N, C-alpha and C. Protein backbone atom coordinates (compact mmCIF):
# COMPACT_ATOMS: atom_id res chain seq x y z
N MET A 1 104.99 101.18 123.68
CA MET A 1 104.26 100.73 122.52
C MET A 1 103.98 101.90 121.56
N THR A 2 103.75 103.06 122.13
CA THR A 2 103.51 104.24 121.31
C THR A 2 104.71 104.55 120.43
N PHE A 3 105.90 104.46 121.02
CA PHE A 3 107.13 104.73 120.26
C PHE A 3 107.27 103.75 119.10
N ILE A 4 106.94 102.50 119.33
CA ILE A 4 107.06 101.48 118.28
C ILE A 4 106.10 101.79 117.14
N TYR A 5 104.85 102.12 117.47
CA TYR A 5 103.87 102.45 116.42
C TYR A 5 104.28 103.68 115.63
N LEU A 6 104.76 104.71 116.32
CA LEU A 6 105.16 105.93 115.62
C LEU A 6 106.37 105.69 114.73
N THR A 7 107.34 104.95 115.23
CA THR A 7 108.53 104.65 114.44
C THR A 7 108.16 103.79 113.23
N LEU A 8 107.34 102.77 113.45
CA LEU A 8 106.90 101.91 112.35
C LEU A 8 106.10 102.71 111.33
N GLY A 9 105.23 103.59 111.79
CA GLY A 9 104.44 104.42 110.87
C GLY A 9 105.32 105.32 110.02
N CYS A 10 106.31 105.95 110.63
CA CYS A 10 107.21 106.83 109.87
C CYS A 10 108.06 106.04 108.88
N LEU A 11 108.55 104.88 109.29
CA LEU A 11 109.34 104.06 108.37
C LEU A 11 108.49 103.56 107.20
N LEU A 12 107.25 103.22 107.48
CA LEU A 12 106.36 102.80 106.39
C LEU A 12 106.04 103.95 105.44
N LEU A 13 105.94 105.17 105.97
CA LEU A 13 105.72 106.31 105.09
C LEU A 13 106.94 106.57 104.20
N VAL A 14 108.12 106.37 104.74
CA VAL A 14 109.34 106.49 103.92
C VAL A 14 109.33 105.42 102.83
N ALA A 15 108.99 104.19 103.20
CA ALA A 15 108.92 103.11 102.20
C ALA A 15 107.88 103.42 101.13
N SER A 16 106.74 103.97 101.53
CA SER A 16 105.70 104.33 100.57
C SER A 16 106.19 105.40 99.61
N SER A 17 106.91 106.36 100.14
CA SER A 17 107.44 107.43 99.30
C SER A 17 108.49 106.89 98.32
N LEU A 18 109.31 105.97 98.79
CA LEU A 18 110.31 105.38 97.89
C LEU A 18 109.67 104.51 96.82
N LEU A 19 108.59 103.83 97.16
CA LEU A 19 107.90 103.01 96.16
C LEU A 19 107.25 103.87 95.08
N LEU A 20 106.85 105.08 95.42
CA LEU A 20 106.22 105.95 94.43
C LEU A 20 107.21 106.47 93.39
N ARG A 21 108.49 106.32 93.66
CA ARG A 21 109.48 106.78 92.70
C ARG A 21 109.54 105.88 91.47
N HIS A 22 109.01 104.66 91.57
CA HIS A 22 108.98 103.75 90.43
C HIS A 22 107.68 103.98 89.66
N ALA A 23 107.71 103.74 88.37
CA ALA A 23 106.57 104.07 87.53
C ALA A 23 105.60 102.92 87.32
N SER A 24 105.90 101.74 87.83
CA SER A 24 105.04 100.60 87.53
C SER A 24 103.74 100.67 88.32
N SER A 25 102.72 100.05 87.78
CA SER A 25 101.41 100.04 88.42
C SER A 25 101.43 99.24 89.72
N ALA A 26 102.17 98.14 89.74
CA ALA A 26 102.27 97.33 90.95
C ALA A 26 102.95 98.11 92.07
N SER A 27 103.94 98.90 91.73
CA SER A 27 104.64 99.69 92.72
C SER A 27 103.72 100.74 93.34
N ARG A 28 102.88 101.34 92.51
CA ARG A 28 101.93 102.33 93.03
C ARG A 28 100.90 101.70 93.96
N ARG A 29 100.42 100.52 93.60
CA ARG A 29 99.44 99.84 94.45
C ARG A 29 100.06 99.37 95.75
N LEU A 30 101.29 98.89 95.69
CA LEU A 30 101.99 98.49 96.90
C LEU A 30 102.25 99.69 97.79
N SER A 31 102.54 100.83 97.18
CA SER A 31 102.74 102.06 97.94
C SER A 31 101.46 102.46 98.67
N LEU A 32 100.33 102.31 98.01
CA LEU A 32 99.04 102.62 98.65
C LEU A 32 98.79 101.68 99.82
N LEU A 33 99.10 100.41 99.65
CA LEU A 33 98.93 99.44 100.73
C LEU A 33 99.83 99.78 101.92
N VAL A 34 101.07 100.14 101.65
CA VAL A 34 102.00 100.51 102.72
C VAL A 34 101.52 101.77 103.42
N PHE A 35 100.98 102.73 102.65
CA PHE A 35 100.45 103.95 103.25
C PHE A 35 99.27 103.64 104.17
N CYS A 36 98.42 102.71 103.76
CA CYS A 36 97.27 102.34 104.60
C CYS A 36 97.72 101.68 105.90
N VAL A 37 98.76 100.86 105.84
CA VAL A 37 99.29 100.25 107.06
C VAL A 37 99.92 101.32 107.96
N ALA A 38 100.61 102.28 107.36
CA ALA A 38 101.19 103.37 108.15
C ALA A 38 100.09 104.20 108.81
N THR A 39 99.01 104.44 108.08
CA THR A 39 97.88 105.17 108.66
C THR A 39 97.27 104.39 109.82
N ALA A 40 97.21 103.07 109.69
CA ALA A 40 96.70 102.24 110.79
C ALA A 40 97.58 102.36 112.02
N CYS A 41 98.88 102.48 111.82
CA CYS A 41 99.79 102.68 112.97
C CYS A 41 99.51 104.01 113.66
N PHE A 42 99.31 105.06 112.88
CA PHE A 42 99.01 106.36 113.47
C PHE A 42 97.63 106.36 114.14
N ILE A 43 96.67 105.64 113.57
CA ILE A 43 95.34 105.54 114.18
C ILE A 43 95.43 104.81 115.51
N ALA A 44 96.30 103.80 115.60
CA ALA A 44 96.46 103.07 116.85
C ALA A 44 96.98 103.98 117.96
N VAL A 45 97.75 105.00 117.60
CA VAL A 45 98.31 105.91 118.61
C VAL A 45 97.35 107.06 118.90
N TYR A 46 96.83 107.71 117.86
CA TYR A 46 96.09 108.95 118.03
C TYR A 46 94.57 108.81 117.97
N GLY A 47 94.05 107.68 117.56
CA GLY A 47 92.60 107.53 117.42
C GLY A 47 92.19 107.68 115.96
N ASN A 48 90.91 107.49 115.69
CA ASN A 48 90.43 107.43 114.30
C ASN A 48 90.64 108.72 113.53
N ILE A 49 90.09 109.81 114.00
CA ILE A 49 90.12 111.05 113.23
C ILE A 49 91.51 111.69 113.26
N ALA A 50 92.09 111.78 114.43
CA ALA A 50 93.40 112.42 114.54
C ALA A 50 94.48 111.61 113.84
N GLY A 51 94.36 110.28 113.82
CA GLY A 51 95.36 109.46 113.15
C GLY A 51 95.44 109.74 111.67
N VAL A 52 94.29 109.94 111.04
CA VAL A 52 94.26 110.26 109.61
C VAL A 52 94.82 111.66 109.38
N PHE A 53 94.46 112.61 110.25
CA PHE A 53 94.96 113.97 110.09
C PHE A 53 96.44 114.09 110.40
N ILE A 54 97.01 113.14 111.10
CA ILE A 54 98.45 113.13 111.33
C ILE A 54 99.16 112.40 110.19
N ALA A 55 98.58 111.30 109.70
CA ALA A 55 99.23 110.48 108.68
C ALA A 55 99.36 111.21 107.34
N VAL A 56 98.36 111.93 106.94
CA VAL A 56 98.40 112.59 105.63
C VAL A 56 99.48 113.68 105.58
N PRO A 57 99.52 114.64 106.53
CA PRO A 57 100.61 115.62 106.48
C PRO A 57 101.99 114.99 106.68
N ALA A 58 102.06 113.95 107.50
CA ALA A 58 103.35 113.28 107.68
C ALA A 58 103.81 112.65 106.38
N ALA A 59 102.89 112.06 105.62
CA ALA A 59 103.25 111.48 104.33
C ALA A 59 103.71 112.55 103.36
N LEU A 60 103.06 113.69 103.37
CA LEU A 60 103.47 114.79 102.49
C LEU A 60 104.85 115.30 102.85
N LEU A 61 105.11 115.45 104.14
CA LEU A 61 106.42 115.93 104.57
C LEU A 61 107.52 114.92 104.28
N ILE A 62 107.24 113.64 104.49
CA ILE A 62 108.24 112.62 104.19
C ILE A 62 108.46 112.51 102.68
N GLY A 63 107.41 112.72 101.90
CA GLY A 63 107.56 112.76 100.45
C GLY A 63 108.46 113.90 100.00
N LEU A 64 108.28 115.07 100.62
CA LEU A 64 109.16 116.20 100.31
C LEU A 64 110.60 115.91 100.73
N LEU A 65 110.76 115.32 101.89
CA LEU A 65 112.09 114.98 102.37
C LEU A 65 112.77 113.99 101.43
N THR A 66 112.02 113.00 100.97
CA THR A 66 112.57 112.03 100.02
C THR A 66 112.96 112.71 98.72
N ALA A 67 112.13 113.61 98.24
CA ALA A 67 112.44 114.31 97.00
C ALA A 67 113.69 115.17 97.14
N PHE A 68 113.84 115.84 98.28
CA PHE A 68 115.02 116.68 98.48
C PHE A 68 116.29 115.85 98.64
N LEU A 69 116.19 114.73 99.35
CA LEU A 69 117.38 113.92 99.58
C LEU A 69 117.82 113.14 98.35
N LEU A 70 116.87 112.57 97.63
CA LEU A 70 117.22 111.72 96.50
C LEU A 70 117.20 112.45 95.16
N GLY A 71 116.60 113.61 95.14
CA GLY A 71 116.57 114.37 93.89
C GLY A 71 115.61 113.79 92.88
N LYS A 72 115.81 114.18 91.64
CA LYS A 72 114.93 113.74 90.56
C LYS A 72 115.19 112.27 90.24
N LYS A 73 114.12 111.56 89.91
CA LYS A 73 114.23 110.15 89.58
C LYS A 73 115.05 110.00 88.29
N PRO A 74 116.03 109.10 88.29
CA PRO A 74 116.86 108.94 87.08
C PRO A 74 116.04 108.38 85.92
N GLN A 75 116.30 108.89 84.75
CA GLN A 75 115.62 108.43 83.54
C GLN A 75 116.33 107.20 83.00
N ASN A 76 115.57 106.23 82.53
CA ASN A 76 116.16 105.00 81.99
C ASN A 76 116.60 105.17 80.57
């Protein structure tokens, strides 16, 4: 069960990072919602305080990874 929560949390963080690449307000709010669900997955594994301290750096690292892999957002 731990593996499922960690995998789901990481995939949700990737989805959150990809949603932030769009400029619309709905996309940003959906990204926040996805990030909160990912944080809940990490909290389920690590507990209340540690889950938040794991989710935030993981989101930053996945955001950097997304930026490096996909590059700059294309201009319309």
